[in-house]
């Protein structure tokens, strides 16, 4: 029983695959181009997160040590 079902299904799938290469085959439209990302939103989010982190746990800026 399973052999007969698999033969029928494989025949249908193979036929569908072979017919897709025909010139009259249905086509799907190209996907719409995505909007370019702007860095302003990313910079704004980073600034907001930095300010939130400073409010949650403020700490003084430590000066850099010069090489001697």
N, C-alpha and C. Protein backbone atom coordinates (compact mmCIF):
# COMPACT_ATOMS: atom_id res chain seq x y z
N UNK A 1 0.81 -1.18 0.00
CA UNK A 1 0.00 0.00 0.00
C UNK A 1 0.86 1.26 0.00
N UNK A 2 1.91 1.27 0.84
CA UNK A 2 2.76 2.45 0.89
C UNK A 2 3.57 2.61 -0.38
N UNK A 3 3.92 1.49 -1.01
CA UNK A 3 4.68 1.58 -2.25
C UNK A 3 3.84 2.22 -3.35
N UNK A 4 2.57 1.88 -3.43
CA UNK A 4 1.70 2.46 -4.44
C UNK A 4 1.52 3.96 -4.19
N UNK A 5 1.32 4.35 -2.93
CA UNK A 5 1.15 5.76 -2.59
C UNK A 5 2.41 6.55 -2.91
N UNK A 6 3.56 6.00 -2.57
CA UNK A 6 4.80 6.71 -2.84
C UNK A 6 5.05 6.82 -4.34
N UNK A 7 4.66 5.81 -5.11
CA UNK A 7 4.83 5.88 -6.57
C UNK A 7 3.95 6.98 -7.16
N UNK A 8 2.74 7.08 -6.69
CA UNK A 8 1.82 8.10 -7.21
C UNK A 8 2.31 9.49 -6.83
N UNK A 9 2.69 9.65 -5.57
CA UNK A 9 3.17 10.95 -5.12
C UNK A 9 4.45 11.36 -5.84
N UNK A 10 5.37 10.43 -6.01
CA UNK A 10 6.63 10.77 -6.68
C UNK A 10 6.38 11.13 -8.15
N UNK A 11 5.43 10.45 -8.77
CA UNK A 11 5.11 10.76 -10.16
C UNK A 11 4.54 12.18 -10.27
N UNK A 12 3.65 12.55 -9.35
CA UNK A 12 3.06 13.88 -9.38
C UNK A 12 4.10 14.97 -9.11
N UNK A 13 4.96 14.72 -8.14
CA UNK A 13 5.98 15.70 -7.79
C UNK A 13 6.97 15.87 -8.94
N UNK A 14 7.35 14.77 -9.56
CA UNK A 14 8.28 14.85 -10.69
C UNK A 14 7.66 15.59 -11.85
N UNK A 15 6.41 15.32 -12.14
CA UNK A 15 5.72 16.02 -13.23
C UNK A 15 5.62 17.52 -12.93
N UNK A 16 5.29 17.87 -11.70
CA UNK A 16 5.19 19.28 -11.34
C UNK A 16 6.55 19.97 -11.49
N UNK A 17 7.61 19.26 -11.10
CA UNK A 17 8.95 19.84 -11.20
C UNK A 17 9.36 20.03 -12.66
N UNK A 18 9.07 19.05 -13.49
CA UNK A 18 9.44 19.16 -14.90
C UNK A 18 8.61 20.21 -15.62
N UNK A 19 7.35 20.36 -15.25
CA UNK A 19 6.50 21.36 -15.91
C UNK A 19 6.86 22.78 -15.48
N UNK A 20 7.57 22.93 -14.37
CA UNK A 20 7.90 24.26 -13.90
C UNK A 20 8.97 24.92 -14.77
N UNK A 21 9.68 24.15 -15.58
CA UNK A 21 10.71 24.71 -16.44
C UNK A 21 10.15 25.18 -17.78
N UNK A 22 8.88 25.02 -17.99
CA UNK A 22 8.27 25.43 -19.26
C UNK A 22 8.11 26.94 -19.31
N UNK A 23 8.11 27.52 -20.50
CA UNK A 23 7.96 28.97 -20.63
C UNK A 23 6.62 29.48 -20.12
N UNK A 24 5.60 28.66 -20.13
CA UNK A 24 4.28 29.10 -19.68
C UNK A 24 4.05 28.80 -18.21
N UNK A 25 5.10 28.43 -17.49
CA UNK A 25 4.96 28.10 -16.07
C UNK A 25 4.61 29.35 -15.28
N UNK A 26 3.81 29.20 -14.23
CA UNK A 26 3.48 30.37 -13.42
C UNK A 26 4.73 30.89 -12.70
N UNK A 27 4.81 32.18 -12.59
CA UNK A 27 5.97 32.79 -11.93
C UNK A 27 5.51 33.56 -10.70
N UNK A 28 6.43 33.75 -9.80
CA UNK A 28 6.13 34.55 -8.61
C UNK A 28 6.81 35.90 -8.78
N UNK A 29 6.17 36.96 -8.35
CA UNK A 29 6.79 38.27 -8.50
C UNK A 29 8.01 38.40 -7.59
N UNK A 30 8.91 39.27 -8.00
CA UNK A 30 10.12 39.50 -7.20
C UNK A 30 9.73 40.18 -5.89
N UNK A 31 10.41 39.86 -4.81
CA UNK A 31 10.08 40.50 -3.54
C UNK A 31 10.38 42.00 -3.59
N UNK A 32 9.60 42.75 -2.83
CA UNK A 32 9.80 44.19 -2.79
C UNK A 32 11.13 44.51 -2.11
N UNK A 33 11.83 45.53 -2.59
CA UNK A 33 13.10 45.87 -1.95
C UNK A 33 12.87 46.43 -0.55
N UNK A 34 13.77 46.10 0.35
CA UNK A 34 13.66 46.58 1.72
C UNK A 34 14.13 48.02 1.81
N UNK A 35 13.52 48.75 2.75
CA UNK A 35 13.95 50.13 2.96
C UNK A 35 15.36 50.12 3.55
N UNK A 36 16.19 51.05 3.14
CA UNK A 36 17.53 51.09 3.73
C UNK A 36 17.45 51.51 5.20
N UNK A 37 18.26 50.89 6.00
CA UNK A 37 18.27 51.22 7.42
C UNK A 37 19.00 52.54 7.62
N UNK A 38 18.49 53.32 8.53
CA UNK A 38 19.16 54.56 8.85
C UNK A 38 19.88 54.40 10.17
N UNK A 39 21.02 55.03 10.27
CA UNK A 39 21.81 54.92 11.49
C UNK A 39 21.28 55.84 12.57
N UNK A 40 20.40 56.78 12.22
CA UNK A 40 19.90 57.70 13.23
C UNK A 40 19.08 56.97 14.28
N UNK A 41 18.25 56.04 13.87
CA UNK A 41 17.46 55.28 14.83
C UNK A 41 18.33 54.44 15.74
N UNK A 42 19.35 53.85 15.18
CA UNK A 42 20.27 53.02 15.96
C UNK A 42 21.05 53.89 16.95
N UNK A 43 21.51 55.06 16.50
CA UNK A 43 22.26 55.96 17.38
C UNK A 43 21.36 56.50 18.49
N UNK A 44 20.11 56.82 18.15
CA UNK A 44 19.17 57.31 19.15
C UNK A 44 18.91 56.23 20.21
N UNK A 45 18.72 55.01 19.79
CA UNK A 45 18.50 53.91 20.73
C UNK A 45 19.73 53.71 21.61
N UNK A 46 20.91 53.77 21.04
CA UNK A 46 22.14 53.60 21.83
C UNK A 46 22.27 54.71 22.86
N UNK A 47 21.93 55.93 22.49
CA UNK A 47 22.00 57.06 23.42
C UNK A 47 21.01 56.87 24.56
N UNK A 48 19.80 56.47 24.22
CA UNK A 48 18.78 56.26 25.26
C UNK A 48 19.19 55.15 26.22
N UNK A 49 19.74 54.06 25.70
CA UNK A 49 20.17 52.96 26.56
C UNK A 49 21.34 53.37 27.45
N UNK A 50 22.25 54.19 26.91
CA UNK A 50 23.39 54.67 27.69
C UNK A 50 22.91 55.55 28.83
N UNK A 51 21.96 56.43 28.56
CA UNK A 51 21.42 57.31 29.60
C UNK A 51 20.69 56.50 30.66
N UNK A 52 19.94 55.49 30.24
CA UNK A 52 19.25 54.63 31.19
C UNK A 52 20.26 53.89 32.07
N UNK A 53 21.33 53.41 31.49
CA UNK A 53 22.35 52.70 32.26
C UNK A 53 23.01 53.64 33.26
N UNK A 54 23.22 54.90 32.89
CA UNK A 54 23.81 55.86 33.81
C UNK A 54 22.86 56.17 34.96
N UNK A 55 21.58 56.16 34.71
CA UNK A 55 20.62 56.41 35.79
C UNK A 55 20.55 55.22 36.74
N UNK A 56 20.60 54.02 36.18
CA UNK A 56 20.49 52.82 37.00
C UNK A 56 21.74 52.65 37.86
N UNK A 57 22.90 52.80 37.27
CA UNK A 57 24.15 52.62 38.01
C UNK A 57 25.15 53.68 37.57
N UNK A 58 25.07 54.87 38.18
CA UNK A 58 26.01 55.92 37.78
C UNK A 58 27.42 55.60 38.27
N UNK A 59 28.40 56.00 37.50
CA UNK A 59 29.78 55.83 37.94
C UNK A 59 30.60 56.95 37.31
N UNK A 60 31.61 57.34 38.02
CA UNK A 60 32.46 58.43 37.56
C UNK A 60 33.38 57.94 36.43
N UNK A 61 33.66 58.85 35.55
CA UNK A 61 34.56 58.52 34.45
C UNK A 61 35.98 58.50 34.99
N UNK A 62 36.70 57.43 34.74
CA UNK A 62 38.07 57.32 35.24
C UNK A 62 39.02 57.84 34.16
N UNK A 63 39.92 58.74 34.53
CA UNK A 63 40.84 59.29 33.53
C UNK A 63 41.84 58.21 33.08
N UNK A 64 42.31 58.36 31.87
CA UNK A 64 43.30 57.43 31.33
C UNK A 64 44.65 57.69 31.98
N UNK A 65 45.42 56.66 32.20
CA UNK A 65 46.75 56.83 32.76
C UNK A 65 47.74 56.97 31.63
N UNK A 66 48.62 57.93 31.76
CA UNK A 66 49.62 58.15 30.71
C UNK A 66 50.77 57.17 30.92
N UNK A 67 51.40 56.81 29.85
CA UNK A 67 52.53 55.90 29.93
C UNK A 67 53.74 56.66 30.44
N UNK A 68 54.50 56.05 31.36
CA UNK A 68 55.68 56.74 31.85
C UNK A 68 56.95 56.05 31.43
